[in-house]
Every structure is written in C-alpha cells, then in structure tokens.
Amino acid sequence: MKLSKEEVEHVAKLARLAVSEEEKEAFSRQLSEILTYVGKLNELDTSKVEPTSHVLDLSNIFRDDVVRESLPPADVLANAPDRENNHFRVPKIIEERE
C-alpha cells in the first residue's frame, strides 16, 4: 500500500509533529513498506491460532505485600537537601502556558 506525502502530513498533524520535506518523503516510503508487509501478514491463515496478548506464558513474579513499620520521618529526611516539617521540599515545576 503506497502512502502519499499528504497522508504522512495528515498523520504528522494528528501526532502534532513537525516534519521536514525530506522526512515526509522518507516516512512515506518507510510507512508504505510497513503497510505492504502487514498486508502480506494478512494473507496468512490464522483461523486456528488462538488470540493472545503475548507469545509466551507470563506469570506474576512479585512478592506478596507485607505490612511492616516504616522508617521514622527523621531518618527518611536525614539526607534531604531541603525539607519543611516532616515533608520533602521540592522546587515548583509547574510552568504557565503562554
């Protein structure tokens, strides 16, 4: 399936990406190759293949949660560069939009 430069521009606009003319040409070619490959995969008979989200069986390897005492606030904050009462104090990172 051949993807046009206009279609690449449309996808870039939806993704809010700025792309140069060279990138549009390259993406058009690369995405066309990907879609052609996916088209070939669609020709395969997968009627006897069970749907799956992963090719390997997965199991949870996490340990069980255990309730236990936490560290005292003084120990937790001992190496904090800045603190206020029993809290970490961090710089404000919210930026205002123009």
PDB file of N, CA and C in Angstrom:
ATOM      1  N   MET A   1       0.837  -1.171   0.000  1.00  0.00           N
ATOM      2  CA  MET A   1       0.000   0.000   0.000  1.00  0.00           C
ATOM      3  C   MET A   1       0.884   1.237   0.000  1.00  0.00           C
ATOM      4  N   LYS A   2       0.720   2.093  -0.970  1.00  0.00           N
ATOM      5  CA  LYS A   2       1.520   3.305  -1.098  1.00  0.00           C
ATOM      6  C   LYS A   2       0.882   4.426  -0.294  1.00  0.00           C
ATOM      7  N   LEU A   3       1.665   5.038   0.573  1.00  0.00           N
ATOM      8  CA  LEU A   3       1.204   6.152   1.389  1.00  0.00           C
ATOM      9  C   LEU A   3       1.688   7.449   0.756  1.00  0.00           C
ATOM     10  N   SER A   4       0.768   8.379   0.544  1.00  0.00           N
ATOM     11  CA  SER A   4       1.142   9.639  -0.097  1.00  0.00           C
ATOM     12  C   SER A   4       1.771  10.599   0.907  1.00  0.00           C
ATOM     13  N   LYS A   5       2.436  11.604   0.385  1.00  0.00           N
ATOM     14  CA  LYS A   5       3.041  12.631   1.226  1.00  0.00           C
ATOM     15  C   LYS A   5       1.961  13.373   2.016  1.00  0.00           C
ATOM     16  N   GLU A   6       0.794  13.558   1.398  1.00  0.00           N
ATOM     17  CA  GLU A   6      -0.316  14.247   2.077  1.00  0.00           C
ATOM     18  C   GLU A   6      -0.810  13.427   3.269  1.00  0.00           C
ATOM     19  N   GLU A   7      -0.847  12.102   3.109  1.00  0.00           N
ATOM     20  CA  GLU A   7      -1.270  11.247   4.222  1.00  0.00           C
ATOM     21  C   GLU A   7      -0.250  11.307   5.363  1.00  0.00           C
ATOM     22  N   VAL A   8       1.022  11.367   5.028  1.00  0.00           N
ATOM     23  CA  VAL A   8       2.063  11.496   6.043  1.00  0.00           C
ATOM     24  C   VAL A   8       1.905  12.839   6.758  1.00  0.00           C
ATOM     25  N   GLU A   9       1.630  13.902   6.014  1.00  0.00           N
ATOM     26  CA  GLU A   9       1.401  15.215   6.621  1.00  0.00           C
ATOM     27  C   GLU A   9       0.211  15.166   7.569  1.00  0.00           C
ATOM     28  N   HIS A  10      -0.852  14.464   7.161  1.00  0.00           N
ATOM     29  CA  HIS A  10      -2.048  14.347   7.998  1.00  0.00           C
ATOM     30  C   HIS A  10      -1.733  13.608   9.295  1.00  0.00           C
ATOM     31  N   VAL A  11      -1.024  12.505   9.203  1.00  0.00           N
ATOM     32  CA  VAL A  11      -0.654  11.734  10.398  1.00  0.00           C
ATOM     33  C   VAL A  11       0.260  12.578  11.291  1.00  0.00           C
ATOM     34  N   ALA A  12       1.199  13.293  10.706  1.00  0.00           N
ATOM     35  CA  ALA A  12       2.099  14.144  11.485  1.00  0.00           C
ATOM     36  C   ALA A  12       1.314  15.239  12.204  1.00  0.00           C
ATOM     37  N   LYS A  13       0.324  15.786  11.529  1.00  0.00           N
ATOM     38  CA  LYS A  13      -0.505  16.823  12.159  1.00  0.00           C
ATOM     39  C   LYS A  13      -1.285  16.242  13.329  1.00  0.00           C
ATOM     40  N   LEU A  14      -1.858  15.039  13.152  1.00  0.00           N
ATOM     41  CA  LEU A  14      -2.594  14.394  14.242  1.00  0.00           C
ATOM     42  C   LEU A  14      -1.687  14.125  15.436  1.00  0.00           C
ATOM     43  N   ALA A  15      -0.437  13.760  15.153  1.00  0.00           N
ATOM     44  CA  ALA A  15       0.531  13.462  16.219  1.00  0.00           C
ATOM     45  C   ALA A  15       1.218  14.730  16.718  1.00  0.00           C
ATOM     46  N   ARG A  16       0.879  15.861  16.124  1.00  0.00           N
ATOM     47  CA  ARG A  16       1.473  17.154  16.485  1.00  0.00           C
ATOM     48  C   ARG A  16       2.989  17.126  16.321  1.00  0.00           C
ATOM     49  N   LEU A  17       3.425  16.586  15.188  1.00  0.00           N
ATOM     50  CA  LEU A  17       4.849  16.514  14.878  1.00  0.00           C
ATOM     51  C   LEU A  17       5.168  17.451  13.727  1.00  0.00           C
ATOM     52  N   ALA A  18       6.264  18.148  13.834  1.00  0.00           N
ATOM     53  CA  ALA A  18       6.752  18.963  12.730  1.00  0.00           C
ATOM     54  C   ALA A  18       7.746  18.111  11.944  1.00  0.00           C
ATOM     55  N   VAL A  19       7.475  17.928  10.660  1.00  0.00           N
ATOM     56  CA  VAL A  19       8.364  17.114   9.830  1.00  0.00           C
ATOM     57  C   VAL A  19       8.802  17.922   8.621  1.00  0.00           C
ATOM     58  N   SER A  20      10.048  17.744   8.245  1.00  0.00           N
ATOM     59  CA  SER A  20      10.592  18.446   7.079  1.00  0.00           C
ATOM     60  C   SER A  20      10.164  17.734   5.805  1.00  0.00           C
ATOM     61  N   GLU A  21      10.433  18.352   4.672  1.00  0.00           N
ATOM     62  CA  GLU A  21      10.096  17.748   3.379  1.00  0.00           C
ATOM     63  C   GLU A  21      10.846  16.435   3.177  1.00  0.00           C
ATOM     64  N   GLU A  22      12.118  16.395   3.592  1.00  0.00           N
ATOM     65  CA  GLU A  22      12.906  15.163   3.462  1.00  0.00           C
ATOM     66  C   GLU A  22      12.312  14.059   4.327  1.00  0.00           C
ATOM     67  N   GLU A  23      11.887  14.418   5.530  1.00  0.00           N
ATOM     68  CA  GLU A  23      11.285  13.434   6.429  1.00  0.00           C
ATOM     69  C   GLU A  23       9.956  12.926   5.871  1.00  0.00           C
ATOM     70  N   LYS A  24       9.184  13.802   5.260  1.00  0.00           N
ATOM     71  CA  LYS A  24       7.908  13.390   4.666  1.00  0.00           C
ATOM     72  C   LYS A  24       8.137  12.334   3.588  1.00  0.00           C
ATOM     73  N   GLU A  25       9.147  12.570   2.755  1.00  0.00           N
ATOM     74  CA  GLU A  25       9.472  11.605   1.698  1.00  0.00           C
ATOM     75  C   GLU A  25       9.929  10.278   2.313  1.00  0.00           C
ATOM     76  N   ALA A  26      10.815  10.358   3.303  1.00  0.00           N
ATOM     77  CA  ALA A  26      11.344   9.147   3.927  1.00  0.00           C
ATOM     78  C   ALA A  26      10.240   8.392   4.661  1.00  0.00           C
ATOM     79  N   PHE A  27       9.414   9.109   5.419  1.00  0.00           N
ATOM     80  CA  PHE A  27       8.326   8.463   6.160  1.00  0.00           C
ATOM     81  C   PHE A  27       7.310   7.846   5.219  1.00  0.00           C
ATOM     82  N   SER A  28       7.052   8.517   4.114  1.00  0.00           N
ATOM     83  CA  SER A  28       6.114   7.976   3.131  1.00  0.00           C
ATOM     84  C   SER A  28       6.609   6.628   2.619  1.00  0.00           C
ATOM     85  N   ARG A  29       7.892   6.555   2.292  1.00  0.00           N
ATOM     86  CA  ARG A  29       8.486   5.308   1.794  1.00  0.00           C
ATOM     87  C   ARG A  29       8.496   4.231   2.889  1.00  0.00           C
ATOM     88  N   GLN A  30       8.956   4.603   4.086  1.00  0.00           N
ATOM     89  CA  GLN A  30       9.072   3.637   5.173  1.00  0.00           C
ATOM     90  C   GLN A  30       7.706   3.113   5.617  1.00  0.00           C
ATOM     91  N   LEU A  31       6.739   4.010   5.788  1.00  0.00           N
ATOM     92  CA  LEU A  31       5.410   3.574   6.200  1.00  0.00           C
ATOM     93  C   LEU A  31       4.746   2.729   5.124  1.00  0.00           C
ATOM     94  N   SER A  32       4.990   3.042   3.873  1.00  0.00           N
ATOM     95  CA  SER A  32       4.449   2.221   2.782  1.00  0.00           C
ATOM     96  C   SER A  32       5.006   0.807   2.844  1.00  0.00           C
ATOM     97  N   GLU A  33       6.301   0.686   3.126  1.00  0.00           N
ATOM     98  CA  GLU A  33       6.915  -0.638   3.245  1.00  0.00           C
ATOM     99  C   GLU A  33       6.319  -1.413   4.417  1.00  0.00           C
ATOM    100  N   ILE A  34       6.076  -0.727   5.526  1.00  0.00           N
ATOM    101  CA  ILE A  34       5.475  -1.380   6.702  1.00  0.00           C
ATOM    102  C   ILE A  34       4.074  -1.868   6.373  1.00  0.00           C
ATOM    103  N   LEU A  35       3.273  -1.022   5.741  1.00  0.00           N
ATOM    104  CA  LEU A  35       1.898  -1.399   5.399  1.00  0.00           C
ATOM    105  C   LEU A  35       1.863  -2.536   4.382  1.00  0.00           C
ATOM    106  N   THR A  36       2.820  -2.560   3.453  1.00  0.00           N
ATOM    107  CA  THR A  36       2.905  -3.658   2.499  1.00  0.00           C
ATOM    108  C   THR A  36       3.209  -4.966   3.226  1.00  0.00           C
ATOM    109  N   TYR A  37       4.118  -4.927   4.194  1.00  0.00           N
ATOM    110  CA  TYR A  37       4.457  -6.118   4.971  1.00  0.00           C
ATOM    111  C   TYR A  37       3.255  -6.602   5.773  1.00  0.00           C
ATOM    112  N   VAL A  38       2.536  -5.673   6.412  1.00  0.00           N
ATOM    113  CA  VAL A  38       1.343  -6.047   7.170  1.00  0.00           C
ATOM    114  C   VAL A  38       0.307  -6.665   6.243  1.00  0.00           C
ATOM    115  N   GLY A  39       0.203  -6.145   5.022  1.00  0.00           N
ATOM    116  CA  GLY A  39      -0.700  -6.727   4.034  1.00  0.00           C
ATOM    117  C   GLY A  39      -0.351  -8.173   3.731  1.00  0.00           C
ATOM    118  N   LYS A  40       0.952  -8.477   3.656  1.00  0.00           N
ATOM    119  CA  LYS A  40       1.383  -9.862   3.437  1.00  0.00           C
ATOM    120  C   LYS A  40       0.998 -10.738   4.629  1.00  0.00           C
ATOM    121  N   LEU A  41       1.129 -10.204   5.834  1.00  0.00           N
ATOM    122  CA  LEU A  41       0.745 -10.967   7.020  1.00  0.00           C
ATOM    123  C   LEU A  41      -0.752 -11.267   7.021  1.00  0.00           C
ATOM    124  N   ASN A  42      -1.552 -10.351   6.500  1.00  0.00           N
ATOM    125  CA  ASN A  42      -2.998 -10.561   6.434  1.00  0.00           C
ATOM    126  C   ASN A  42      -3.386 -11.702   5.500  1.00  0.00           C
ATOM    127  N   GLU A  43      -2.486 -12.106   4.610  1.00  0.00           N
ATOM    128  CA  GLU A  43      -2.762 -13.203   3.692  1.00  0.00           C
ATOM    129  C   GLU A  43      -2.647 -14.568   4.380  1.00  0.00           C
ATOM    130  N   LEU A  44      -2.030 -14.614   5.546  1.00  0.00           N
ATOM    131  CA  LEU A  44      -1.844 -15.881   6.253  1.00  0.00           C
ATOM    132  C   LEU A  44      -3.151 -16.369   6.860  1.00  0.00           C
ATOM    133  N   ASP A  45      -3.305 -17.700   6.904  1.00  0.00           N
ATOM    134  CA  ASP A  45      -4.482 -18.295   7.524  1.00  0.00           C
ATOM    135  C   ASP A  45      -4.228 -18.419   9.021  1.00  0.00           C
ATOM    136  N   THR A  46      -4.910 -17.607   9.789  1.00  0.00           N
ATOM    137  CA  THR A  46      -4.746 -17.626  11.247  1.00  0.00           C
ATOM    138  C   THR A  46      -6.019 -18.115  11.929  1.00  0.00           C
ATOM    139  N   SER A  47      -6.868 -18.814  11.194  1.00  0.00           N
ATOM    140  CA  SER A  47      -8.145 -19.248  11.755  1.00  0.00           C
ATOM    141  C   SER A  47      -7.980 -20.241  12.907  1.00  0.00           C
ATOM    142  N   LYS A  48      -6.864 -20.985  12.942  1.00  0.00           N
ATOM    143  CA  LYS A  48      -6.650 -21.979  14.002  1.00  0.00           C
ATOM    144  C   LYS A  48      -5.687 -21.482  15.080  1.00  0.00           C
ATOM    145  N   VAL A  49      -5.373 -20.195  15.046  1.00  0.00           N
ATOM    146  CA  VAL A  49      -4.469 -19.619  16.038  1.00  0.00           C
ATOM    147  C   VAL A  49      -5.304 -18.906  17.087  1.00  0.00           C
ATOM    148  N   GLU A  50      -5.102 -19.296  18.339  1.00  0.00           N
ATOM    149  CA  GLU A  50      -5.843 -18.686  19.439  1.00  0.00           C
ATOM    150  C   GLU A  50      -5.388 -17.231  19.634  1.00  0.00           C
ATOM    151  N   PRO A  51      -6.325 -16.329  19.879  1.00  0.00           N
ATOM    152  CA  PRO A  51      -5.931 -14.940  20.164  1.00  0.00           C
ATOM    153  C   PRO A  51      -5.097 -14.880  21.447  1.00  0.00           C
ATOM    154  N   THR A  52      -4.087 -14.026  21.442  1.00  0.00           N
ATOM    155  CA  THR A  52      -3.225 -13.887  22.602  1.00  0.00           C
ATOM    156  C   THR A  52      -2.684 -12.475  22.673  1.00  0.00           C
ATOM    157  N   SER A  53      -2.337 -12.060  23.855  1.00  0.00           N
ATOM    158  CA  SER A  53      -1.725 -10.739  24.004  1.00  0.00           C
ATOM    159  C   SER A  53      -0.208 -10.844  24.067  1.00  0.00           C
ATOM    160  N   HIS A  54       0.306 -12.070  24.235  1.00  0.00           N
ATOM    161  CA  HIS A  54       1.743 -12.277  24.342  1.00  0.00           C
ATOM    162  C   HIS A  54       2.059 -13.696  23.888  1.00  0.00           C
ATOM    163  N   VAL A  55       3.180 -13.867  23.215  1.00  0.00           N
ATOM    164  CA  VAL A  55       3.511 -15.186  22.688  1.00  0.00           C
ATOM    165  C   VAL A  55       3.978 -16.173  23.754  1.00  0.00           C
ATOM    166  N   LEU A  56       4.462 -15.666  24.879  1.00  0.00           N
ATOM    167  CA  LEU A  56       4.922 -16.536  25.952  1.00  0.00           C
ATOM    168  C   LEU A  56       3.972 -16.455  27.127  1.00  0.00           C
ATOM    169  N   ASP A  57       3.863 -17.563  27.874  1.00  0.00           N
ATOM    170  CA  ASP A  57       3.075 -17.520  29.099  1.00  0.00           C
ATOM    171  C   ASP A  57       3.774 -16.613  30.104  1.00  0.00           C
ATOM    172  N   LEU A  58       3.005 -15.758  30.732  1.00  0.00           N
ATOM    173  CA  LEU A  58       3.566 -14.848  31.719  1.00  0.00           C
ATOM    174  C   LEU A  58       3.003 -15.185  33.087  1.00  0.00           C
ATOM    175  N   SER A  59       3.823 -15.012  34.098  1.00  0.00           N
ATOM    176  CA  SER A  59       3.337 -15.204  35.459  1.00  0.00           C
ATOM    177  C   SER A  59       3.863 -14.064  36.313  1.00  0.00           C
ATOM    178  N   ASN A  60       3.119 -13.771  37.363  1.00  0.00           N
ATOM    179  CA  ASN A  60       3.495 -12.695  38.254  1.00  0.00           C
ATOM    180  C   ASN A  60       4.667 -13.149  39.123  1.00  0.00           C
ATOM    181  N   ILE A  61       5.747 -12.398  39.094  1.00  0.00           N
ATOM    182  CA  ILE A  61       6.927 -12.775  39.883  1.00  0.00           C
ATOM    183  C   ILE A  61       7.101 -11.860  41.090  1.00  0.00           C
ATOM    184  N   PHE A  62       6.095 -11.044  41.377  1.00  0.00           N
ATOM    185  CA  PHE A  62       6.179 -10.135  42.503  1.00  0.00           C
ATOM    186  C   PHE A  62       5.957 -10.874  43.819  1.00  0.00           C
ATOM    187  N   ARG A  63       6.559 -10.375  44.848  1.00  0.00           N
ATOM    188  CA  ARG A  63       6.351 -10.950  46.171  1.00  0.00           C
ATOM    189  C   ARG A  63       5.033 -10.419  46.738  1.00  0.00           C
ATOM    190  N   ASP A  64       4.498 -11.099  47.722  1.00  0.00           N
ATOM    191  CA  ASP A  64       3.291 -10.629  48.385  1.00  0.00           C
ATOM    192  C   ASP A  64       3.610  -9.380  49.198  1.00  0.00           C
ATOM    193  N   ASP A  65       2.649  -8.473  49.265  1.00  0.00           N
ATOM    194  CA  ASP A  65       2.809  -7.283  50.091  1.00  0.00           C
ATOM    195  C   ASP A  65       2.725  -7.675  51.562  1.00  0.00           C
ATOM    196  N   VAL A  66       3.629  -7.139  52.340  1.00  0.00           N
ATOM    197  CA  VAL A  66       3.638  -7.403  53.770  1.00  0.00           C
ATOM    198  C   VAL A  66       3.630  -6.060  54.488  1.00  0.00           C
ATOM    199  N   VAL A  67       2.696  -5.896  55.406  1.00  0.00           N
ATOM    200  CA  VAL A  67       2.623  -4.664  56.182  1.00  0.00           C
ATOM    201  C   VAL A  67       3.707  -4.701  57.246  1.00  0.00           C
ATOM    202  N   ARG A  68       4.497  -3.637  57.306  1.00  0.00           N
ATOM    203  CA  ARG A  68       5.522  -3.543  58.333  1.00  0.00           C
ATOM    204  C   ARG A  68       5.764  -2.080  58.663  1.00  0.00           C
ATOM    205  N   GLU A  69       6.473  -1.843  59.726  1.00  0.00           N
ATOM    206  CA  GLU A  69       6.747  -0.483  60.183  1.00  0.00           C
ATOM    207  C   GLU A  69       7.617   0.244  59.156  1.00  0.00           C
ATOM    208  N   SER A  70       7.305   1.508  58.931  1.00  0.00           N
ATOM    209  CA  SER A  70       8.144   2.308  58.046  1.00  0.00           C
ATOM    210  C   SER A  70       9.213   3.014  58.864  1.00  0.00           C
ATOM    211  N   LEU A  71      10.126   3.664  58.178  1.00  0.00           N
ATOM    212  CA  LEU A  71      11.198   4.380  58.863  1.00  0.00           C
ATOM    213  C   LEU A  71      10.636   5.613  59.563  1.00  0.00           C
ATOM    214  N   PRO A  72      11.267   6.031  60.623  1.00  0.00           N
ATOM    215  CA  PRO A  72      10.844   7.276  61.272  1.00  0.00           C
ATOM    216  C   PRO A  72      11.111   8.465  60.337  1.00  0.00           C
ATOM    217  N   PRO A  73      10.244   9.479  60.360  1.00  0.00           N
ATOM    218  CA  PRO A  73      10.428  10.641  59.461  1.00  0.00           C
ATOM    219  C   PRO A  73      11.814  11.269  59.562  1.00  0.00           C
ATOM    220  N   ALA A  74      12.390  11.324  60.734  1.00  0.00           N
ATOM    221  CA  ALA A  74      13.718  11.931  60.881  1.00  0.00           C
ATOM    222  C   ALA A  74      14.763  11.161  60.081  1.00  0.00           C
ATOM    223  N   ASP A  75      14.683   9.835  60.068  1.00  0.00           N
ATOM    224  CA  ASP A  75      15.637   9.026  59.292  1.00  0.00           C
ATOM    225  C   ASP A  75      15.418   9.194  57.792  1.00  0.00           C
ATOM    226  N   VAL A  76      14.158   9.245  57.388  1.00  0.00           N
ATOM    227  CA  VAL A  76      13.841   9.393  55.963  1.00  0.00           C
ATOM    228  C   VAL A  76      14.356  10.728  55.446  1.00  0.00           C
ATOM    229  N   LEU A  77      14.187  11.792  56.237  1.00  0.00           N
ATOM    230  CA  LEU A  77      14.550  13.136  55.812  1.00  0.00           C
ATOM    231  C   LEU A  77      15.991  13.517  56.128  1.00  0.00           C
ATOM    232  N   ALA A  78      16.751  12.598  56.704  1.00  0.00           N
ATOM    233  CA  ALA A  78      18.109  12.905  57.152  1.00  0.00           C
ATOM    234  C   ALA A  78      18.986  13.450  56.028  1.00  0.00           C
ATOM    235  N   ASN A  79      18.870  12.932  54.815  1.00  0.00           N
ATOM    236  CA  ASN A  79      19.719  13.370  53.703  1.00  0.00           C
ATOM    237  C   ASN A  79      18.988  14.266  52.712  1.00  0.00           C
ATOM    238  N   ALA A  80      17.790  14.710  53.066  1.00  0.00           N
ATOM    239  CA  ALA A  80      17.026  15.570  52.165  1.00  0.00           C
ATOM    240  C   ALA A  80      17.713  16.928  52.054  1.00  0.00           C
ATOM    241  N   PRO A  81      17.895  17.430  50.831  1.00  0.00           N
ATOM    242  CA  PRO A  81      18.553  18.729  50.683  1.00  0.00           C
ATOM    243  C   PRO A  81      17.702  19.878  51.235  1.00  0.00           C
ATOM    244  N   ASP A  82      16.399  19.712  51.218  1.00  0.00           N
ATOM    245  CA  ASP A  82      15.515  20.754  51.737  1.00  0.00           C
ATOM    246  C   ASP A  82      14.251  20.086  52.270  1.00  0.00           C
ATOM    247  N   ARG A  83      13.810  20.514  53.423  1.00  0.00           N
ATOM    248  CA  ARG A  83      12.607  19.918  53.997  1.00  0.00           C
ATOM    249  C   ARG A  83      11.822  20.970  54.756  1.00  0.00           C
ATOM    250  N   GLU A  84      10.562  20.656  54.964  1.00  0.00           N
ATOM    251  CA  GLU A  84       9.680  21.531  55.723  1.00  0.00           C
ATOM    252  C   GLU A  84       8.840  20.641  56.621  1.00  0.00           C
ATOM    253  N   ASN A  85       8.986  20.794  57.922  1.00  0.00           N
ATOM    254  CA  ASN A  85       8.352  19.912  58.902  1.00  0.00           C
ATOM    255  C   ASN A  85       8.748  18.472  58.592  1.00  0.00           C
ATOM    256  N   ASN A  86       7.788  17.579  58.365  1.00  0.00           N
ATOM    257  CA  ASN A  86       8.096  16.180  58.052  1.00  0.00           C
ATOM    258  C   ASN A  86       7.885  15.873  56.578  1.00  0.00           C
ATOM    259  N   HIS A  87       8.189  16.840  55.690  1.00  0.00           N
ATOM    260  CA  HIS A  87       7.964  16.665  54.256  1.00  0.00           C
ATOM    261  C   HIS A  87       9.209  17.075  53.472  1.00  0.00           C
ATOM    262  N   PHE A  88       9.377  16.447  52.316  1.00  0.00           N
ATOM    263  CA  PHE A  88      10.416  16.892  51.392  1.00  0.00           C
ATOM    264  C   PHE A  88       9.956  18.206  50.778  1.00  0.00           C
ATOM    265  N   ARG A  89      10.848  19.145  50.611  1.00  0.00           N
ATOM    266  CA  ARG A  89      10.526  20.401  49.950  1.00  0.00           C
ATOM    267  C   ARG A  89      11.228  20.370  48.595  1.00  0.00           C
ATOM    268  N   VAL A  90      10.433  20.560  47.530  1.00  0.00           N
ATOM    269  CA  VAL A  90      10.966  20.489  46.172  1.00  0.00           C
ATOM    270  C   VAL A  90      10.641  21.786  45.437  1.00  0.00           C
ATOM    271  N   PRO A  91      11.403  22.106  44.387  1.00  0.00           N
ATOM    272  CA  PRO A  91      11.120  23.322  43.639  1.00  0.00           C
ATOM    273  C   PRO A  91       9.805  23.203  42.872  1.00  0.00           C
ATOM    274  N   LYS A  92       9.159  24.330  42.672  1.00  0.00           N
ATOM    275  CA  LYS A  92       7.932  24.362  41.888  1.00  0.00           C
ATOM    276  C   LYS A  92       8.290  24.071  40.437  1.00  0.00           C
ATOM    277  N   ILE A  93       7.562  23.145  39.820  1.00  0.00           N
ATOM    278  CA  ILE A  93       7.881  22.769  38.435  1.00  0.00           C
ATOM    279  C   ILE A  93       6.755  23.051  37.469  1.00  0.00           C
ATOM    280  N   ILE A  94       5.669  23.593  37.942  1.00  0.00           N
ATOM    281  CA  ILE A  94       4.536  23.880  37.053  1.00  0.00           C
ATOM    282  C   ILE A  94       4.842  25.159  36.287  1.00  0.00           C
ATOM    283  N   GLU A  95       4.760  25.067  34.958  1.00  0.00           N
ATOM    284  CA  GLU A  95       5.012  26.228  34.121  1.00  0.00           C
ATOM    285  C   GLU A  95       3.692  26.741  33.564  1.00  0.00           C
ATOM    286  N   GLU A  96       3.579  28.045  33.474  1.00  0.00           N
ATOM    287  CA  GLU A  96       2.361  28.633  32.919  1.00  0.00           C
ATOM    288  C   GLU A  96       2.454  28.637  31.404  1.00  0.00           C
ATOM    289  N   ARG A  97       1.317  28.375  30.761  1.00  0.00           N
ATOM    290  CA  ARG A  97       1.268  28.397  29.298  1.00  0.00           C
ATOM    291  C   ARG A  97       1.105  29.822  28.817  1.00  0.00           C
ATOM    292  N   GLU A  98       1.657  30.046  27.659  1.00  0.00           N
ATOM    293  CA  GLU A  98       1.540  31.395  27.078  1.00  0.00           C
ATOM    294  C   GLU A  98       0.222  31.551  26.385  1.00  0.00           C
TER     295      GLU A  98
END
